Amino acid sequence: MFRLFKSRRGIHLFSGAAFTPLIKVVSAVGLVMLLSGAHPTYAKEISQGCLALQEQYPQFKGVTIVDAINPHTPGYEALDPQDPSQYVGFDIDLAEELGSCLGFKVSYIPVAFSALIPTLQSGQAGLVISDIYATEERAKAVDFITYSKVSDGVLVAKNNPKKISGINSSMCGAVAAENTGYVEVPLIQNLAPHCTAESKGIPTVQLYDNNAACIQAILTGRADTYVNDVNTVDQAVKAYPDKLEKAVAVTLPYYVGIGVPKDKPAFRAAMFAALKEVIGSGKAAMMLKKWGLDAGSIPEPAIISSK
């Protein structure tokens, strides 16, 4: 069975960026069965554990479930350079593996990061696997199943001209490019009182729809820094080694989670069990290695839910 973590307020102990649902429409169907850029199945062999789950949850076998993604995070989800009609990355492989384990197919709908949760709430998608941090505020809108620890990197221009050393007073007066809805936004904005107390300028946050736009903001000199998942930052440095560098890595008290509808407890339980099977089999670690990600980032899965 899955574990439901709650704090003394009846909410999971993590905190994070505020999120205001844009839409909340009750879907007329159970799980979404829309076709939207189907992807080849990743898994070939079905374990005995997965076969048992298919018997336990037969309602998901043979259906197609839409995964809402923001495909601008190389290593996690991005357009396939060999075939731009397809998506590649760890999150894509994970979605395919979970689908294979439970017997459903996965199709994808690309949206802006800030639209991931609204797309799930509206019924246009049945799940979200897109490097999204499972925060307390977001868990008021959807439930999360955690599958990765969070470590952020601070991306800056080569040689770090502003000498930024983290989410601290070194960001005073700097311009940060961030994705709309990211947890890093309020963390940077909350530096304002400290900067004012030190008679320094407050940090400015420029909001964008995806990681690629944030990285371009630094490359073009419109922003001084970009704080995001350390693997995303490392990928950016790898792509532009003469123009970008990672100033530092910082640890944040969050986990990355799979978003699932609050009104689908059976699906949540099935996905939780399938994730444990995929992790226990060693396949998740192999997929992380395949995409050059930290194999030590996998935690014991947990469910984060809030009212």
C-alpha atoms as a PDB file:
ATOM      1  CA  MET A   1       0.000   0.000   0.000  1.00  0.00           C
ATOM      2  CA  PHE A   2       1.082   3.585  -0.484  1.00  0.00           C
ATOM      3  CA  ARG A   3       2.064   5.969   2.284  1.00  0.00           C
ATOM      4  CA  LEU A   4       0.342   9.305   2.669  1.00  0.00           C
ATOM      5  CA  PHE A   5       2.550  11.889   4.366  1.00  0.00           C
ATOM      6  CA  LYS A   6       0.826  14.635   6.333  1.00  0.00           C
ATOM      7  CA  SER A   7       2.057  17.279   8.742  1.00  0.00           C
ATOM      8  CA  ARG A   8       0.331  18.485  11.873  1.00  0.00           C
ATOM      9  CA  ARG A   9      -1.813  20.695   9.645  1.00  0.00           C
ATOM     10  CA  GLY A  10      -2.871  17.695   7.602  1.00  0.00           C
ATOM     11  CA  ILE A  11      -0.480  18.692   4.820  1.00  0.00           C
ATOM     12  CA  HIS A  12       2.835  17.208   3.732  1.00  0.00           C
ATOM     13  CA  LEU A  13       5.754  18.882   5.432  1.00  0.00           C
ATOM     14  CA  PHE A  14       7.289  20.309   2.262  1.00  0.00           C
ATOM     15  CA  SER A  15       6.673  23.921   1.347  1.00  0.00           C
ATOM     16  CA  GLY A  16       7.045  25.596  -2.008  1.00  0.00           C
ATOM     17  CA  ALA A  17       5.897  28.103  -4.561  1.00  0.00           C
ATOM     18  CA  ALA A  18       2.309  29.224  -4.528  1.00  0.00           C
ATOM     19  CA  PHE A  19       0.199  27.913  -7.353  1.00  0.00           C
ATOM     20  CA  THR A  20      -3.144  29.217  -8.475  1.00  0.00           C
ATOM     21  CA  PRO A  21      -5.153  26.716 -10.523  1.00  0.00           C
ATOM     22  CA  LEU A  22      -6.287  28.313 -13.761  1.00  0.00           C
ATOM     23  CA  ILE A  23      -8.942  25.771 -14.520  1.00  0.00           C
ATOM     24  CA  LYS A  24     -10.663  22.960 -12.742  1.00  0.00           C
ATOM     25  CA  VAL A  25     -13.015  20.999 -14.898  1.00  0.00           C
ATOM     26  CA  VAL A  26     -14.337  17.585 -13.988  1.00  0.00           C
ATOM     27  CA  SER A  27     -13.575  15.177 -16.815  1.00  0.00           C
ATOM     28  CA  ALA A  28     -16.531  13.276 -18.196  1.00  0.00           C
ATOM     29  CA  VAL A  29     -14.405  10.196 -18.657  1.00  0.00           C
ATOM     30  CA  GLY A  30     -12.335   8.241 -16.168  1.00  0.00           C
ATOM     31  CA  LEU A  31      -8.740   8.340 -17.321  1.00  0.00           C
ATOM     32  CA  VAL A  32      -7.784  10.291 -20.398  1.00  0.00           C
ATOM     33  CA  MET A  33      -7.574   8.185 -23.536  1.00  0.00           C
ATOM     34  CA  LEU A  34      -6.538  10.898 -25.979  1.00  0.00           C
ATOM     35  CA  LEU A  35      -3.916  10.298 -28.616  1.00  0.00           C
ATOM     36  CA  SER A  36      -1.324  13.067 -28.774  1.00  0.00           C
ATOM     37  CA  GLY A  37       2.044  12.165 -30.253  1.00  0.00           C
ATOM     38  CA  ALA A  38       2.293   8.523 -29.210  1.00  0.00           C
ATOM     39  CA  HIS A  39       5.775   7.295 -28.318  1.00  0.00           C
ATOM     40  CA  PRO A  40       7.240   3.819 -28.871  1.00  0.00           C
ATOM     41  CA  THR A  41       7.058   1.558 -25.820  1.00  0.00           C
ATOM     42  CA  TYR A  42      10.329   1.635 -23.875  1.00  0.00           C
ATOM     43  CA  ALA A  43      10.046  -1.665 -22.015  1.00  0.00           C
ATOM     44  CA  LYS A  44      10.166  -5.047 -23.731  1.00  0.00           C
ATOM     45  CA  GLU A  45       9.989  -7.527 -20.879  1.00  0.00           C
ATOM     46  CA  ILE A  46       7.223  -7.525 -18.274  1.00  0.00           C
ATOM     47  CA  SER A  47       8.237  -8.644 -14.785  1.00  0.00           C
ATOM     48  CA  GLN A  48       6.142 -10.950 -12.652  1.00  0.00           C
ATOM     49  CA  GLY A  49       5.543  -8.023 -10.317  1.00  0.00           C
ATOM     50  CA  CYS A  50       4.113  -5.933 -13.162  1.00  0.00           C
ATOM     51  CA  LEU A  51       1.976  -8.830 -14.391  1.00  0.00           C
ATOM     52  CA  ALA A  52       0.552  -9.109 -10.886  1.00  0.00           C
ATOM     53  CA  LEU A  53      -0.237  -5.384 -10.913  1.00  0.00           C
ATOM     54  CA  GLN A  54      -2.028  -5.746 -14.242  1.00  0.00           C
ATOM     55  CA  GLU A  55      -4.224  -8.410 -12.660  1.00  0.00           C
ATOM     56  CA  GLN A  56      -4.826  -6.198  -9.628  1.00  0.00           C
ATOM     57  CA  TYR A  57      -5.623  -3.111 -11.734  1.00  0.00           C
ATOM     58  CA  PRO A  58      -7.143  -4.463 -14.983  1.00  0.00           C
ATOM     59  CA  GLN A  59      -8.986  -1.184 -15.669  1.00  0.00           C
ATOM     60  CA  PHE A  60      -5.781   0.445 -16.928  1.00  0.00           C
ATOM     61  CA  LYS A  61      -4.702  -2.318 -19.291  1.00  0.00           C
ATOM     62  CA  GLY A  62      -5.051  -1.488 -22.972  1.00  0.00           C
ATOM     63  CA  VAL A  63      -5.948   2.195 -22.556  1.00  0.00           C
ATOM     64  CA  THR A  64      -3.925   5.230 -23.653  1.00  0.00           C
ATOM     65  CA  ILE A  65      -3.163   7.828 -20.995  1.00  0.00           C
ATOM     66  CA  VAL A  66      -1.935  11.319 -21.838  1.00  0.00           C
ATOM     67  CA  ASP A  67       1.152  12.648 -20.077  1.00  0.00           C
ATOM     68  CA  ALA A  68       1.415  16.469 -19.914  1.00  0.00           C
ATOM     69  CA  ILE A  69       5.021  17.582 -20.393  1.00  0.00           C
ATOM     70  CA  ASN A  70       7.054  20.749 -20.850  1.00  0.00           C
ATOM     71  CA  PRO A  71       9.561  19.359 -23.375  1.00  0.00           C
ATOM     72  CA  HIS A  72      12.390  21.826 -22.874  1.00  0.00           C
ATOM     73  CA  THR A  73      14.515  20.054 -20.257  1.00  0.00           C
ATOM     74  CA  PRO A  74      17.267  18.021 -21.976  1.00  0.00           C
ATOM     75  CA  GLY A  75      17.927  14.786 -20.142  1.00  0.00           C
ATOM     76  CA  TYR A  76      14.375  14.715 -18.777  1.00  0.00           C
ATOM     77  CA  GLU A  77      12.009  15.611 -21.619  1.00  0.00           C
ATOM     78  CA  ALA A  78      12.908  17.236 -24.919  1.00  0.00           C
ATOM     79  CA  LEU A  79      12.255  16.963 -28.635  1.00  0.00           C
ATOM     80  CA  ASP A  80      14.088  14.069 -30.248  1.00  0.00           C
ATOM     81  CA  PRO A  81      16.762  15.711 -32.456  1.00  0.00           C
ATOM     82  CA  GLN A  82      16.469  12.758 -34.843  1.00  0.00           C
ATOM     83  CA  ASP A  83      12.674  13.024 -35.040  1.00  0.00           C
ATOM     84  CA  PRO A  84      11.104  16.263 -33.708  1.00  0.00           C
ATOM     85  CA  SER A  85       7.682  14.586 -33.650  1.00  0.00           C
ATOM     86  CA  GLN A  86       8.893  12.409 -30.756  1.00  0.00           C
ATOM     87  CA  TYR A  87      10.092  13.121 -27.212  1.00  0.00           C
ATOM     88  CA  VAL A  88      13.117  11.714 -25.416  1.00  0.00           C
ATOM     89  CA  GLY A  89      14.565  11.823 -21.902  1.00  0.00           C
ATOM     90  CA  PHE A  90      14.461  10.110 -18.531  1.00  0.00           C
ATOM     91  CA  ASP A  91      10.902  11.231 -17.769  1.00  0.00           C
ATOM     92  CA  ILE A  92       9.740   9.899 -21.138  1.00  0.00           C
ATOM     93  CA  ASP A  93      11.423   6.546 -20.544  1.00  0.00           C
ATOM     94  CA  LEU A  94       9.943   6.429 -17.046  1.00  0.00           C
ATOM     95  CA  ALA A  95       6.434   7.119 -18.335  1.00  0.00           C
ATOM     96  CA  GLU A  96       6.805   4.377 -20.949  1.00  0.00           C
ATOM     97  CA  GLU A  97       8.160   1.942 -18.354  1.00  0.00           C
ATOM     98  CA  LEU A  98       5.304   2.627 -15.936  1.00  0.00           C
ATOM     99  CA  GLY A  99       2.794   2.282 -18.753  1.00  0.00           C
ATOM    100  CA  SER A 100       4.330  -1.010 -19.803  1.00  0.00           C
ATOM    101  CA  CYS A 101       4.222  -2.261 -16.219  1.00  0.00           C
ATOM    102  CA  LEU A 102       0.507  -1.487 -15.840  1.00  0.00           C
ATOM    103  CA  GLY A 103      -0.394  -2.331 -19.441  1.00  0.00           C
ATOM    104  CA  PHE A 104      -1.343   1.124 -20.743  1.00  0.00           C
ATOM    105  CA  LYS A 105       0.112   3.153 -23.601  1.00  0.00           C
ATOM    106  CA  VAL A 106       1.328   6.721 -23.173  1.00  0.00           C
ATOM    107  CA  SER A 107       0.797   9.716 -25.434  1.00  0.00           C
ATOM    108  CA  TYR A 108       2.066  13.229 -24.783  1.00  0.00           C
ATOM    109  CA  ILE A 109       0.708  16.754 -24.786  1.00  0.00           C
ATOM    110  CA  PRO A 110       3.318  19.557 -24.708  1.00  0.00           C
ATOM    111  CA  VAL A 111       2.382  22.623 -22.635  1.00  0.00           C
ATOM    112  CA  ALA A 112       4.049  25.536 -20.856  1.00  0.00           C
ATOM    113  CA  PHE A 113       5.380  24.637 -17.422  1.00  0.00           C
ATOM    114  CA  SER A 114       2.751  26.792 -15.699  1.00  0.00           C
ATOM    115  CA  ALA A 115       0.038  24.865 -17.575  1.00  0.00           C
ATOM    116  CA  LEU A 116       1.100  21.374 -16.452  1.00  0.00           C
ATOM    117  CA  ILE A 117      -1.187  21.165 -13.425  1.00  0.00           C
ATOM    118  CA  PRO A 118      -4.142  22.975 -15.058  1.00  0.00           C
ATOM    119  CA  THR A 119      -3.907  20.542 -17.979  1.00  0.00           C
ATOM    120  CA  LEU A 120      -4.146  17.621 -15.560  1.00  0.00           C
ATOM    121  CA  GLN A 121      -6.986  19.226 -13.613  1.00  0.00           C
ATOM    122  CA  SER A 122      -8.979  19.914 -16.766  1.00  0.00           C
ATOM    123  CA  GLY A 123      -8.896  16.284 -17.849  1.00  0.00           C
ATOM    124  CA  GLN A 124      -6.778  16.960 -20.933  1.00  0.00           C
ATOM    125  CA  ALA A 125      -4.084  14.758 -19.392  1.00  0.00           C
ATOM    126  CA  GLY A 126      -4.157  11.788 -17.050  1.00  0.00           C
ATOM    127  CA  LEU A 127      -0.750  12.325 -15.460  1.00  0.00           C
ATOM    128  CA  VAL A 128       2.236  14.685 -15.372  1.00  0.00           C
ATOM    129  CA  ILE A 129       5.799  13.387 -15.504  1.00  0.00           C
ATOM    130  CA  SER A 130       7.840  16.477 -16.305  1.00  0.00           C
ATOM    131  CA  ASP A 131      10.534  17.236 -13.699  1.00  0.00           C
ATOM    132  CA  ILE A 132       7.980  19.051 -11.525  1.00  0.00           C
ATOM    133  CA  TYR A 133       8.762  19.627  -7.845  1.00  0.00           C
ATOM    134  CA  ALA A 134       6.145  18.199  -5.485  1.00  0.00           C
ATOM    135  CA  THR A 135       5.458  21.206  -3.256  1.00  0.00           C
ATOM    136  CA  GLU A 136       2.800  21.747  -0.615  1.00  0.00           C
ATOM    137  CA  GLU A 137       0.937  24.298  -2.712  1.00  0.00           C
ATOM    138  CA  ARG A 138       0.927  22.155  -5.840  1.00  0.00           C
ATOM    139  CA  ALA A 139      -0.246  19.177  -3.798  1.00  0.00           C
ATOM    140  CA  LYS A 140      -3.429  21.110  -3.047  1.00  0.00           C
ATOM    141  CA  ALA A 141      -4.316  20.753  -6.727  1.00  0.00           C
ATOM    142  CA  VAL A 142      -2.983  17.270  -7.559  1.00  0.00           C
ATOM    143  CA  ASP A 143      -1.409  14.338  -5.749  1.00  0.00           C
ATOM    144  CA  PHE A 144       2.259  13.503  -6.258  1.00  0.00           C
ATOM    145  CA  ILE A 145       4.277  10.301  -6.217  1.00  0.00           C
ATOM    146  CA  THR A 146       7.920  11.189  -5.565  1.00  0.00           C
ATOM    147  CA  TYR A 147      10.687   9.672  -7.678  1.00  0.00           C
ATOM    148  CA  SER A 148      13.731  11.946  -7.403  1.00  0.00           C
ATOM    149  CA  LYS A 149      15.535  14.152  -4.903  1.00  0.00           C
ATOM    150  CA  VAL A 150      16.123  17.812  -5.761  1.00  0.00           C
ATOM    151  CA  SER A 151      19.485  19.504  -6.080  1.00  0.00           C
ATOM    152  CA  ASP A 152      19.603  22.826  -7.923  1.00  0.00           C
ATOM    153  CA  GLY A 153      22.406  24.405  -9.875  1.00  0.00           C
ATOM    154  CA  VAL A 154      23.068  28.125 -10.314  1.00  0.00           C
ATOM    155  CA  LEU A 155      23.764  28.871 -13.982  1.00  0.00           C
ATOM    156  CA  VAL A 156      25.742  32.010 -14.842  1.00  0.00           C
ATOM    157  CA  ALA A 157      27.709  33.466 -17.736  1.00  0.00           C
ATOM    158  CA  LYS A 158      31.271  32.214 -18.198  1.00  0.00           C
ATOM    159  CA  ASN A 159      33.623  33.416 -15.424  1.00  0.00           C
ATOM    160  CA  ASN A 160      30.602  34.401 -13.304  1.00  0.00           C
ATOM    161  CA  PRO A 161      30.943  38.200 -13.771  1.00  0.00           C
ATOM    162  CA  LYS A 162      28.437  38.982 -10.981  1.00  0.00           C
ATOM    163  CA  LYS A 163      30.151  36.526  -8.581  1.00  0.00           C
ATOM    164  CA  ILE A 164      26.865  34.837  -7.715  1.00  0.00           C
ATOM    165  CA  SER A 165      27.353  32.080  -5.134  1.00  0.00           C
ATOM    166  CA  GLY A 166      23.831  30.829  -4.484  1.00  0.00           C
ATOM    167  CA  ILE A 167      20.376  32.018  -3.508  1.00  0.00           C
ATOM    168  CA  ASN A 168      21.799  34.573  -1.110  1.00  0.00           C
ATOM    169  CA  SER A 169      22.917  38.204  -0.928  1.00  0.00           C
ATOM    170  CA  SER A 170      25.216  37.632  -3.901  1.00  0.00           C
ATOM    171  CA  MET A 171      22.044  37.836  -6.010  1.00  0.00           C
ATOM    172  CA  CYS A 172      21.231  41.348  -4.792  1.00  0.00           C
ATOM    173  CA  GLY A 173      20.872  43.583  -7.834  1.00  0.00           C
ATOM    174  CA  ALA A 174      21.099  40.639 -10.220  1.00  0.00           C
ATOM    175  CA  VAL A 175      18.576  39.606 -12.863  1.00  0.00           C
ATOM    176  CA  ALA A 176      17.396  36.005 -12.629  1.00  0.00           C
ATOM    177  CA  ALA A 177      15.630  34.202 -15.467  1.00  0.00           C
ATOM    178  CA  GLU A 178      13.140  31.648 -14.152  1.00  0.00           C
ATOM    179  CA  ASN A 179      10.211  29.590 -15.342  1.00  0.00           C
ATOM    180  CA  THR A 180       6.733  30.807 -14.403  1.00  0.00           C
ATOM    181  CA  GLY A 181       5.528  28.740 -11.465  1.00  0.00           C
ATOM    182  CA  TYR A 182       8.957  27.444 -10.409  1.00  0.00           C
ATOM    183  CA  VAL A 183       9.720  27.168  -6.678  1.00  0.00           C
ATOM    184  CA  GLU A 184      12.912  29.172  -7.185  1.00  0.00           C
ATOM    185  CA  VAL A 185      10.924  32.330  -8.007  1.00  0.00           C
ATOM    186  CA  PRO A 186       9.749  33.132  -4.440  1.00  0.00           C
ATOM    187  CA  LEU A 187      13.094  32.009  -3.003  1.00  0.00           C
ATOM    188  CA  ILE A 188      14.822  34.700  -5.060  1.00  0.00           C
ATOM    189  CA  GLN A 189      12.103  37.299  -4.478  1.00  0.00           C
ATOM    190  CA  ASN A 190      12.322  36.713  -0.718  1.00  0.00           C
ATOM    191  CA  LEU A 191      15.891  38.038  -0.790  1.00  0.00           C
ATOM    192  CA  ALA A 192      14.558  41.584  -1.291  1.00  0.00           C
ATOM    193  CA  PRO A 193      14.341  42.581   2.426  1.00  0.00           C
ATOM    194  CA  HIS A 194      17.874  41.312   3.082  1.00  0.00           C
ATOM    195  CA  CYS A 195      19.239  43.173   0.062  1.00  0.00           C
ATOM    196  CA  THR A 196      17.473  46.375   1.140  1.00  0.00           C
ATOM    197  CA  ALA A 197      18.874  46.011   4.662  1.00  0.00           C
ATOM    198  CA  GLU A 198      22.360  45.799   3.151  1.00  0.00           C
ATOM    199  CA  SER A 199      21.662  48.882   0.988  1.00  0.00           C
ATOM    200  CA  LYS A 200      21.879  46.779  -2.157  1.00  0.00           C
ATOM    201  CA  GLY A 201      19.529  46.529  -5.089  1.00  0.00           C
ATOM    202  CA  ILE A 202      16.824  43.890  -4.956  1.00  0.00           C
ATOM    203  CA  PRO A 203      17.028  40.956  -7.371  1.00  0.00           C
ATOM    204  CA  THR A 204      14.830  41.091 -10.462  1.00  0.00           C
ATOM    205  CA  VAL A 205      13.081  37.978 -11.762  1.00  0.00           C
ATOM    206  CA  GLN A 206      12.262  37.594 -15.448  1.00  0.00           C
ATOM    207  CA  LEU A 207       9.618  34.935 -16.093  1.00  0.00           C
ATOM    208  CA  TYR A 208       9.682  32.585 -19.081  1.00  0.00           C
ATOM    209  CA  ASP A 209       7.696  29.564 -20.258  1.00  0.00           C
ATOM    210  CA  ASN A 210      10.521  27.040 -20.481  1.00  0.00           C
ATOM    211  CA  ASN A 211      14.145  26.260 -19.653  1.00  0.00           C
ATOM    212  CA  ALA A 212      15.432  26.998 -23.146  1.00  0.00           C
ATOM    213  CA  ALA A 213      14.149  30.577 -22.956  1.00  0.00           C
ATOM    214  CA  CYS A 214      15.772  31.072 -19.541  1.00  0.00           C
ATOM    215  CA  ILE A 215      19.110  29.827 -20.819  1.00  0.00           C
ATOM    216  CA  GLN A 216      18.864  32.094 -23.862  1.00  0.00           C
ATOM    217  CA  ALA A 217      18.288  35.046 -21.533  1.00  0.00           C
ATOM    218  CA  ILE A 218      21.741  34.484 -20.036  1.00  0.00           C
ATOM    219  CA  LEU A 219      23.364  33.828 -23.402  1.00  0.00           C
ATOM    220  CA  THR A 220      22.030  37.128 -24.752  1.00  0.00           C
ATOM    221  CA  GLY A 221      22.930  39.116 -21.627  1.00  0.00           C
ATOM    222  CA  ARG A 222      19.346  39.821 -20.572  1.00  0.00           C
ATOM    223  CA  ALA A 223      19.771  37.860 -17.323  1.00  0.00           C
ATOM    224  CA  ASP A 224      22.645  37.139 -14.945  1.00  0.00           C
ATOM    225  CA  THR A 225      21.586  33.781 -13.561  1.00  0.00           C
ATOM    226  CA  TYR A 226      19.176  30.882 -13.814  1.00  0.00           C
ATOM    227  CA  VAL A 227      18.496  28.496 -10.923  1.00  0.00           C
ATOM    228  CA  ASN A 228      17.039  25.092 -11.707  1.00  0.00           C
ATOM    229  CA  ASP A 229      17.604  21.360 -11.329  1.00  0.00           C
ATOM    230  CA  VAL A 230      21.365  20.744 -11.290  1.00  0.00           C
ATOM    231  CA  ASN A 231      21.169  18.250 -14.144  1.00  0.00           C
ATOM    232  CA  THR A 232      19.418  20.848 -16.315  1.00  0.00           C
ATOM    233  CA  VAL A 233      22.143  23.359 -15.489  1.00  0.00           C
ATOM    234  CA  ASP A 234      24.866  20.808 -16.241  1.00  0.00           C
ATOM    235  CA  GLN A 235      23.258  20.070 -19.612  1.00  0.00           C
ATOM    236  CA  ALA A 236      23.271  23.800 -20.430  1.00  0.00           C
ATOM    237  CA  VAL A 237      26.963  24.105 -19.547  1.00  0.00           C
ATOM    238  CA  LYS A 238      27.710  21.050 -21.674  1.00  0.00           C
ATOM    239  CA  ALA A 239      25.883  22.635 -24.616  1.00  0.00           C
ATOM    240  CA  TYR A 240      27.611  26.040 -24.226  1.00  0.00           C
ATOM    241  CA  PRO A 241      30.939  25.366 -22.451  1.00  0.00           C
ATOM    242  CA  ASP A 242      32.525  28.603 -23.689  1.00  0.00           C
ATOM    243  CA  LYS A 243      29.616  30.806 -22.640  1.00  0.00           C
ATOM    244  CA  LEU A 244      28.101  29.315 -19.473  1.00  0.00           C
ATOM    245  CA  GLU A 245      29.179  27.774 -16.183  1.00  0.00           C
ATOM    246  CA  LYS A 246      27.675  26.418 -12.984  1.00  0.00           C
ATOM    247  CA  ALA A 247      28.479  28.742 -10.099  1.00  0.00           C
ATOM    248  CA  VAL A 248      27.389  26.338  -7.379  1.00  0.00           C
ATOM    249  CA  ALA A 249      24.959  23.548  -6.527  1.00  0.00           C
ATOM    250  CA  VAL A 250      22.374  24.086  -3.791  1.00  0.00           C
ATOM    251  CA  THR A 251      20.133  21.595  -2.015  1.00  0.00           C
ATOM    252  CA  LEU A 252      16.403  22.311  -1.831  1.00  0.00           C
ATOM    253  CA  PRO A 253      13.951  20.511   0.499  1.00  0.00           C
ATOM    254  CA  TYR A 254      11.785  19.084  -2.278  1.00  0.00           C
ATOM    255  CA  TYR A 255      11.262  15.973  -4.334  1.00  0.00           C
ATOM    256  CA  VAL A 256      10.340  15.617  -7.995  1.00  0.00           C
ATOM    257  CA  GLY A 257       6.964  13.933  -8.354  1.00  0.00           C
ATOM    258  CA  ILE A 258       4.547  12.307 -10.766  1.00  0.00           C
ATOM    259  CA  GLY A 259       1.328  14.336 -10.770  1.00  0.00           C
ATOM    260  CA  VAL A 260      -1.919  12.349 -10.716  1.00  0.00           C
ATOM    261  CA  PRO A 261      -5.572  13.429 -10.279  1.00  0.00           C
ATOM    262  CA  LYS A 262      -6.868  13.649  -6.724  1.00  0.00           C
ATOM    263  CA  ASP A 263     -10.105  11.911  -7.694  1.00  0.00           C
ATOM    264  CA  LYS A 264      -8.377   8.794  -9.085  1.00  0.00           C
ATOM    265  CA  PRO A 265      -7.166   6.924  -5.947  1.00  0.00           C
ATOM    266  CA  ALA A 266      -6.945   3.572  -7.743  1.00  0.00           C
ATOM    267  CA  PHE A 267      -4.715   5.069 -10.430  1.00  0.00           C
ATOM    268  CA  ARG A 268      -2.564   6.729  -7.786  1.00  0.00           C
ATOM    269  CA  ALA A 269      -2.143   3.408  -5.961  1.00  0.00           C
ATOM    270  CA  ALA A 270      -1.363   1.572  -9.199  1.00  0.00           C
ATOM    271  CA  MET A 271       1.239   4.130 -10.266  1.00  0.00           C
ATOM    272  CA  PHE A 272       2.832   4.073  -6.819  1.00  0.00           C
ATOM    273  CA  ALA A 273       3.132   0.288  -6.922  1.00  0.00           C
ATOM    274  CA  ALA A 274       4.445   0.334 -10.503  1.00  0.00           C
ATOM    275  CA  LEU A 275       7.063   2.951  -9.604  1.00  0.00           C
ATOM    276  CA  LYS A 276       8.285   0.805  -6.714  1.00  0.00           C
ATOM    277  CA  GLU A 277       8.532  -2.145  -9.094  1.00  0.00           C
ATOM    278  CA  VAL A 278      10.512  -0.131 -11.668  1.00  0.00           C
ATOM    279  CA  ILE A 279      12.877   1.218  -9.009  1.00  0.00           C
ATOM    280  CA  GLY A 280      13.265  -2.165  -7.313  1.00  0.00           C
ATOM    281  CA  SER A 281      14.121  -3.864 -10.595  1.00  0.00           C
ATOM    282  CA  GLY A 282      17.018  -1.476 -11.171  1.00  0.00           C
ATOM    283  CA  LYS A 283      15.499  -0.111 -14.383  1.00  0.00           C
ATOM    284  CA  ALA A 284      15.143   3.424 -13.022  1.00  0.00           C
ATOM    285  CA  ALA A 285      18.850   3.549 -12.153  1.00  0.00           C
ATOM    286  CA  MET A 286      19.742   2.279 -15.634  1.00  0.00           C
ATOM    287  CA  MET A 287      17.593   4.970 -17.236  1.00  0.00           C
ATOM    288  CA  LEU A 288      19.252   7.675 -15.129  1.00  0.00           C
ATOM    289  CA  LYS A 289      22.660   6.418 -16.228  1.00  0.00           C
ATOM    290  CA  LYS A 290      21.496   6.362 -19.850  1.00  0.00           C
ATOM    291  CA  TRP A 291      20.680  10.080 -19.683  1.00  0.00           C
ATOM    292  CA  GLY A 292      23.745  11.081 -17.677  1.00  0.00           C
ATOM    293  CA  LEU A 293      21.747  11.826 -14.529  1.00  0.00           C
ATOM    294  CA  ASP A 294      22.575  11.076 -10.896  1.00  0.00           C
ATOM    295  CA  ALA A 295      21.611   7.466 -10.119  1.00  0.00           C
ATOM    296  CA  GLY A 296      21.824   8.325  -6.417  1.00  0.00           C
ATOM    297  CA  SER A 297      18.911  10.759  -6.702  1.00  0.00           C
ATOM    298  CA  ILE A 298      16.221   8.065  -6.404  1.00  0.00           C
ATOM    299  CA  PRO A 299      14.450   8.130  -3.020  1.00  0.00           C
ATOM    300  CA  GLU A 300      12.012   5.666  -1.503  1.00  0.00           C
ATOM    301  CA  PRO A 301       8.762   6.638  -3.276  1.00  0.00           C
ATOM    302  CA  ALA A 302       6.152   8.456  -1.216  1.00  0.00           C
ATOM    303  CA  ILE A 303       2.793  10.079  -1.866  1.00  0.00           C
ATOM    304  CA  ILE A 304       2.397  13.791  -1.216  1.00  0.00           C
ATOM    305  CA  SER A 305      -1.180  15.022  -0.900  1.00  0.00           C
ATOM    306  CA  SER A 306      -2.815  18.088   0.579  1.00  0.00           C
ATOM    307  CA  LYS A 307      -6.327  19.442   0.985  1.00  0.00           C
END
